[in-house]
Amino acid sequence: MTLTKIVNSKLLAMLMGAWITYCAGLGDYDGAVFLLFVYSLMLWNLHTKKATGSDTSDGDK
């Protein structure tokens, strides 16, 4: 599964939102902040690959 599919996954967004809501309900914000940090790293990595053109999804091998 490619990083694009993972980042754009609605299921992942729903699970992350549920976990962040759970963490916020408990008052433990470390889990919520960690998930947002990991997701932002995945977005940054995806954006960097698109900007540099190093993504191999253009069909050339």
PDB file of N, CA and C in Angstrom:
ATOM      1  N   MET A   1       0.853  -1.174   0.000  1.00  0.00           N
ATOM      2  CA  MET A   1       0.000   0.000   0.000  1.00  0.00           C
ATOM      3  C   MET A   1       0.902   1.241   0.000  1.00  0.00           C
ATOM      4  N   THR A   2       0.599   2.148  -0.850  1.00  0.00           N
ATOM      5  CA  THR A   2       1.448   3.329  -0.963  1.00  0.00           C
ATOM      6  C   THR A   2       1.125   4.345   0.122  1.00  0.00           C
ATOM      7  N   LEU A   3       2.043   5.253   0.326  1.00  0.00           N
ATOM      8  CA  LEU A   3       1.868   6.284   1.347  1.00  0.00           C
ATOM      9  C   LEU A   3       0.682   7.181   1.023  1.00  0.00           C
ATOM     10  N   THR A   4       0.431   7.430  -0.254  1.00  0.00           N
ATOM     11  CA  THR A   4      -0.700   8.263  -0.648  1.00  0.00           C
ATOM     12  C   THR A   4      -2.016   7.647  -0.197  1.00  0.00           C
ATOM     13  N   LYS A   5      -2.163   6.345  -0.378  1.00  0.00           N
ATOM     14  CA  LYS A   5      -3.395   5.679   0.035  1.00  0.00           C
ATOM     15  C   LYS A   5      -3.555   5.690   1.547  1.00  0.00           C
ATOM     16  N   ILE A   6      -2.460   5.554   2.267  1.00  0.00           N
ATOM     17  CA  ILE A   6      -2.520   5.561   3.722  1.00  0.00           C
ATOM     18  C   ILE A   6      -2.909   6.944   4.238  1.00  0.00           C
ATOM     19  N   VAL A   7      -2.277   7.982   3.706  1.00  0.00           N
ATOM     20  CA  VAL A   7      -2.535   9.342   4.176  1.00  0.00           C
ATOM     21  C   VAL A   7      -3.959   9.776   3.828  1.00  0.00           C
ATOM     22  N   ASN A   8      -4.457   9.375   2.664  1.00  0.00           N
ATOM     23  CA  ASN A   8      -5.787   9.789   2.230  1.00  0.00           C
ATOM     24  C   ASN A   8      -6.886   8.827   2.665  1.00  0.00           C
ATOM     25  N   SER A   9      -6.583   7.869   3.518  1.00  0.00           N
ATOM     26  CA  SER A   9      -7.539   6.865   3.938  1.00  0.00           C
ATOM     27  C   SER A   9      -8.583   7.457   4.890  1.00  0.00           C
ATOM     28  N   LYS A  10      -9.852   7.253   4.560  1.00  0.00           N
ATOM     29  CA  LYS A  10     -10.928   7.724   5.438  1.00  0.00           C
ATOM     30  C   LYS A  10     -10.992   6.890   6.708  1.00  0.00           C
ATOM     31  N   LEU A  11     -10.667   5.610   6.598  1.00  0.00           N
ATOM     32  CA  LEU A  11     -10.664   4.745   7.772  1.00  0.00           C
ATOM     33  C   LEU A  11      -9.598   5.195   8.766  1.00  0.00           C
ATOM     34  N   LEU A  12      -8.415   5.528   8.272  1.00  0.00           N
ATOM     35  CA  LEU A  12      -7.352   6.009   9.145  1.00  0.00           C
ATOM     36  C   LEU A  12      -7.765   7.318   9.816  1.00  0.00           C
ATOM     37  N   ALA A  13      -8.391   8.201   9.067  1.00  0.00           N
ATOM     38  CA  ALA A  13      -8.838   9.472   9.639  1.00  0.00           C
ATOM     39  C   ALA A  13      -9.893   9.241  10.725  1.00  0.00           C
ATOM     40  N   MET A  14     -10.801   8.306  10.497  1.00  0.00           N
ATOM     41  CA  MET A  14     -11.825   8.013  11.497  1.00  0.00           C
ATOM     42  C   MET A  14     -11.203   7.415  12.751  1.00  0.00           C
ATOM     43  N   LEU A  15     -10.278   6.471  12.586  1.00  0.00           N
ATOM     44  CA  LEU A  15      -9.632   5.858  13.740  1.00  0.00           C
ATOM     45  C   LEU A  15      -8.791   6.867  14.524  1.00  0.00           C
ATOM     46  N   MET A  16      -8.081   7.715  13.811  1.00  0.00           N
ATOM     47  CA  MET A  16      -7.296   8.739  14.503  1.00  0.00           C
ATOM     48  C   MET A  16      -8.192   9.718  15.245  1.00  0.00           C
ATOM     49  N   GLY A  17      -9.287  10.114  14.619  1.00  0.00           N
ATOM     50  CA  GLY A  17     -10.221  11.019  15.287  1.00  0.00           C
ATOM     51  C   GLY A  17     -10.836  10.397  16.519  1.00  0.00           C
ATOM     52  N   ALA A  18     -11.176   9.115  16.442  1.00  0.00           N
ATOM     53  CA  ALA A  18     -11.735   8.425  17.605  1.00  0.00           C
ATOM     54  C   ALA A  18     -10.705   8.321  18.725  1.00  0.00           C
ATOM     55  N   TRP A  19      -9.468   8.018  18.371  1.00  0.00           N
ATOM     56  CA  TRP A  19      -8.428   7.901  19.398  1.00  0.00           C
ATOM     57  C   TRP A  19      -8.116   9.263  20.024  1.00  0.00           C
ATOM     58  N   ILE A  20      -8.071  10.299  19.210  1.00  0.00           N
ATOM     59  CA  ILE A  20      -7.810  11.644  19.738  1.00  0.00           C
ATOM     60  C   ILE A  20      -8.948  12.076  20.659  1.00  0.00           C
ATOM     61  N   THR A  21     -10.189  11.764  20.285  1.00  0.00           N
ATOM     62  CA  THR A  21     -11.334  12.082  21.136  1.00  0.00           C
ATOM     63  C   THR A  21     -11.254  11.309  22.447  1.00  0.00           C
ATOM     64  N   TYR A  22     -10.877  10.051  22.370  1.00  0.00           N
ATOM     65  CA  TYR A  22     -10.727   9.233  23.571  1.00  0.00           C
ATOM     66  C   TYR A  22      -9.650   9.815  24.494  1.00  0.00           C
ATOM     67  N   CYS A  23      -8.500  10.160  23.918  1.00  0.00           N
ATOM     68  CA  CYS A  23      -7.410  10.725  24.715  1.00  0.00           C
ATOM     69  C   CYS A  23      -7.813  12.052  25.335  1.00  0.00           C
ATOM     70  N   ALA A  24      -8.497  12.883  24.561  1.00  0.00           N
ATOM     71  CA  ALA A  24      -8.933  14.175  25.081  1.00  0.00           C
ATOM     72  C   ALA A  24      -9.972  13.993  26.186  1.00  0.00           C
ATOM     73  N   GLY A  25     -10.835  12.989  26.041  1.00  0.00           N
ATOM     74  CA  GLY A  25     -11.831  12.716  27.076  1.00  0.00           C
ATOM     75  C   GLY A  25     -11.197  12.293  28.382  1.00  0.00           C
ATOM     76  N   LEU A  26     -10.090  11.582  28.312  1.00  0.00           N
ATOM     77  CA  LEU A  26      -9.375  11.165  29.515  1.00  0.00           C
ATOM     78  C   LEU A  26      -8.496  12.273  30.079  1.00  0.00           C
ATOM     79  N   GLY A  27      -8.259  13.298  29.283  1.00  0.00           N
ATOM     80  CA  GLY A  27      -7.376  14.374  29.715  1.00  0.00           C
ATOM     81  C   GLY A  27      -5.912  14.063  29.474  1.00  0.00           C
ATOM     82  N   ASP A  28      -5.630  13.001  28.748  1.00  0.00           N
ATOM     83  CA  ASP A  28      -4.259  12.606  28.434  1.00  0.00           C
ATOM     84  C   ASP A  28      -3.969  13.009  26.989  1.00  0.00           C
ATOM     85  N   TYR A  29      -3.365  14.156  26.817  1.00  0.00           N
ATOM     86  CA  TYR A  29      -3.178  14.708  25.476  1.00  0.00           C
ATOM     87  C   TYR A  29      -1.918  14.207  24.779  1.00  0.00           C
ATOM     88  N   ASP A  30      -1.105  13.408  25.470  1.00  0.00           N
ATOM     89  CA  ASP A  30       0.122  12.902  24.847  1.00  0.00           C
ATOM     90  C   ASP A  30      -0.186  12.007  23.649  1.00  0.00           C
ATOM     91  N   GLY A  31      -1.169  11.136  23.772  1.00  0.00           N
ATOM     92  CA  GLY A  31      -1.528  10.244  22.671  1.00  0.00           C
ATOM     93  C   GLY A  31      -2.055  11.010  21.470  1.00  0.00           C
ATOM     94  N   ALA A  32      -2.880  12.037  21.731  1.00  0.00           N
ATOM     95  CA  ALA A  32      -3.434  12.833  20.645  1.00  0.00           C
ATOM     96  C   ALA A  32      -2.348  13.621  19.923  1.00  0.00           C
ATOM     97  N   VAL A  33      -1.456  14.215  20.681  1.00  0.00           N
ATOM     98  CA  VAL A  33      -0.374  15.008  20.082  1.00  0.00           C
ATOM     99  C   VAL A  33       0.572  14.096  19.299  1.00  0.00           C
ATOM    100  N   PHE A  34       0.850  12.901  19.828  1.00  0.00           N
ATOM    101  CA  PHE A  34       1.720  11.961  19.120  1.00  0.00           C
ATOM    102  C   PHE A  34       1.117  11.551  17.789  1.00  0.00           C
ATOM    103  N   LEU A  35      -0.188  11.241  17.765  1.00  0.00           N
ATOM    104  CA  LEU A  35      -0.826  10.855  16.512  1.00  0.00           C
ATOM    105  C   LEU A  35      -0.803  11.991  15.496  1.00  0.00           C
ATOM    106  N   LEU A  36      -1.075  13.198  15.944  1.00  0.00           N
ATOM    107  CA  LEU A  36      -1.036  14.341  15.029  1.00  0.00           C
ATOM    108  C   LEU A  36       0.376  14.570  14.496  1.00  0.00           C
ATOM    109  N   PHE A  37       1.381  14.349  15.336  1.00  0.00           N
ATOM    110  CA  PHE A  37       2.764  14.504  14.913  1.00  0.00           C
ATOM    111  C   PHE A  37       3.133  13.461  13.853  1.00  0.00           C
ATOM    112  N   VAL A  38       2.756  12.199  14.082  1.00  0.00           N
ATOM    113  CA  VAL A  38       3.059  11.138  13.121  1.00  0.00           C
ATOM    114  C   VAL A  38       2.341  11.397  11.798  1.00  0.00           C
ATOM    115  N   TYR A  39       1.084  11.806  11.863  1.00  0.00           N
ATOM    116  CA  TYR A  39       0.325  12.088  10.644  1.00  0.00           C
ATOM    117  C   TYR A  39       0.933  13.269   9.883  1.00  0.00           C
ATOM    118  N   SER A  40       1.376  14.297  10.605  1.00  0.00           N
ATOM    119  CA  SER A  40       2.002  15.433   9.926  1.00  0.00           C
ATOM    120  C   SER A  40       3.324  15.028   9.279  1.00  0.00           C
ATOM    121  N   LEU A  41       4.051  14.098   9.897  1.00  0.00           N
ATOM    122  CA  LEU A  41       5.277  13.598   9.259  1.00  0.00           C
ATOM    123  C   LEU A  41       4.959  12.845   7.977  1.00  0.00           C
ATOM    124  N   MET A  42       3.893  12.046   7.993  1.00  0.00           N
ATOM    125  CA  MET A  42       3.503  11.333   6.765  1.00  0.00           C
ATOM    126  C   MET A  42       3.092  12.319   5.678  1.00  0.00           C
ATOM    127  N   LEU A  43       2.354  13.357   6.042  1.00  0.00           N
ATOM    128  CA  LEU A  43       1.969  14.375   5.059  1.00  0.00           C
ATOM    129  C   LEU A  43       3.189  15.096   4.510  1.00  0.00           C
ATOM    130  N   TRP A  44       4.137  15.422   5.390  1.00  0.00           N
ATOM    131  CA  TRP A  44       5.343  16.126   4.963  1.00  0.00           C
ATOM    132  C   TRP A  44       6.154  15.250   4.012  1.00  0.00           C
ATOM    133  N   ASN A  45       6.267  13.964   4.338  1.00  0.00           N
ATOM    134  CA  ASN A  45       6.997  13.033   3.484  1.00  0.00           C
ATOM    135  C   ASN A  45       6.322  12.900   2.125  1.00  0.00           C
ATOM    136  N   LEU A  46       5.006  12.813   2.110  1.00  0.00           N
ATOM    137  CA  LEU A  46       4.262  12.711   0.860  1.00  0.00           C
ATOM    138  C   LEU A  46       4.445  13.973   0.028  1.00  0.00           C
ATOM    139  N   HIS A  47       4.383  15.130   0.670  1.00  0.00           N
ATOM    140  CA  HIS A  47       4.550  16.408  -0.039  1.00  0.00           C
ATOM    141  C   HIS A  47       5.973  16.536  -0.578  1.00  0.00           C
ATOM    142  N   THR A  48       6.956  16.105   0.178  1.00  0.00           N
ATOM    143  CA  THR A  48       8.352  16.179  -0.254  1.00  0.00           C
ATOM    144  C   THR A  48       8.578  15.298  -1.473  1.00  0.00           C
ATOM    145  N   LYS A  49       7.998  14.104  -1.491  1.00  0.00           N
ATOM    146  CA  LYS A  49       8.159  13.217  -2.640  1.00  0.00           C
ATOM    147  C   LYS A  49       7.535  13.818  -3.888  1.00  0.00           C
ATOM    148  N   LYS A  50       6.370  14.464  -3.742  1.00  0.00           N
ATOM    149  CA  LYS A  50       5.730  15.084  -4.903  1.00  0.00           C
ATOM    150  C   LYS A  50       6.529  16.280  -5.399  1.00  0.00           C
ATOM    151  N   ALA A  51       7.081  17.064  -4.482  1.00  0.00           N
ATOM    152  CA  ALA A  51       7.803  18.268  -4.865  1.00  0.00           C
ATOM    153  C   ALA A  51       9.123  17.941  -5.558  1.00  0.00           C
ATOM    154  N   THR A  52       9.784  16.873  -5.125  1.00  0.00           N
ATOM    155  CA  THR A  52      11.076  16.539  -5.717  1.00  0.00           C
ATOM    156  C   THR A  52      10.948  15.648  -6.934  1.00  0.00           C
ATOM    157  N   GLY A  53       9.762  15.094  -7.136  1.00  0.00           N
ATOM    158  CA  GLY A  53       9.562  14.223  -8.275  1.00  0.00           C
ATOM    159  C   GLY A  53      10.154  12.841  -8.093  1.00  0.00           C
ATOM    160  N   SER A  54      10.422  12.465  -6.841  1.00  0.00           N
ATOM    161  CA  SER A  54      11.028  11.163  -6.595  1.00  0.00           C
ATOM    162  C   SER A  54       9.992  10.056  -6.469  1.00  0.00           C
ATOM    163  N   ASP A  55       8.728  10.371  -6.625  1.00  0.00           N
ATOM    164  CA  ASP A  55       7.685   9.357  -6.567  1.00  0.00           C
ATOM    165  C   ASP A  55       7.746   8.534  -7.839  1.00  0.00           C
ATOM    166  N   THR A  56       7.724   7.227  -7.713  1.00  0.00           N
ATOM    167  CA  THR A  56       7.854   6.353  -8.873  1.00  0.00           C
ATOM    168  C   THR A  56       6.505   5.903  -9.422  1.00  0.00           C
ATOM    169  N   SER A  57       5.456   6.630  -9.108  1.00  0.00           N
ATOM    170  CA  SER A  57       4.128   6.227  -9.563  1.00  0.00           C
ATOM    171  C   SER A  57       3.803   6.726 -10.969  1.00  0.00           C
ATOM    172  N   ASP A  58       4.795   7.298 -11.650  1.00  0.00           N
ATOM    173  CA  ASP A  58       4.522   7.815 -12.997  1.00  0.00           C
ATOM    174  C   ASP A  58       4.601   6.716 -14.064  1.00  0.00           C
ATOM    175  N   GLY A  59       4.897   5.480 -13.668  1.00  0.00           N
ATOM    176  CA  GLY A  59       4.881   4.381 -14.610  1.00  0.00           C
ATOM    177  C   GLY A  59       6.261   4.008 -15.143  1.00  0.00           C
ATOM    178  N   ASP A  60       7.261   4.876 -15.006  1.00  0.00           N
ATOM    179  CA  ASP A  60       8.609   4.556 -15.470  1.00  0.00           C
ATOM    180  C   ASP A  60       9.314   3.736 -14.404  1.00  0.00           C
ATOM    181  N   LYS A  61       9.985   2.683 -14.863  1.00  0.00           N
ATOM    182  CA  LYS A  61      10.700   1.840 -13.878  1.00  0.00           C
ATOM    183  C   LYS A  61      12.168   1.803 -14.164  1.00  0.00           C
TER     184      LYS A  61
END
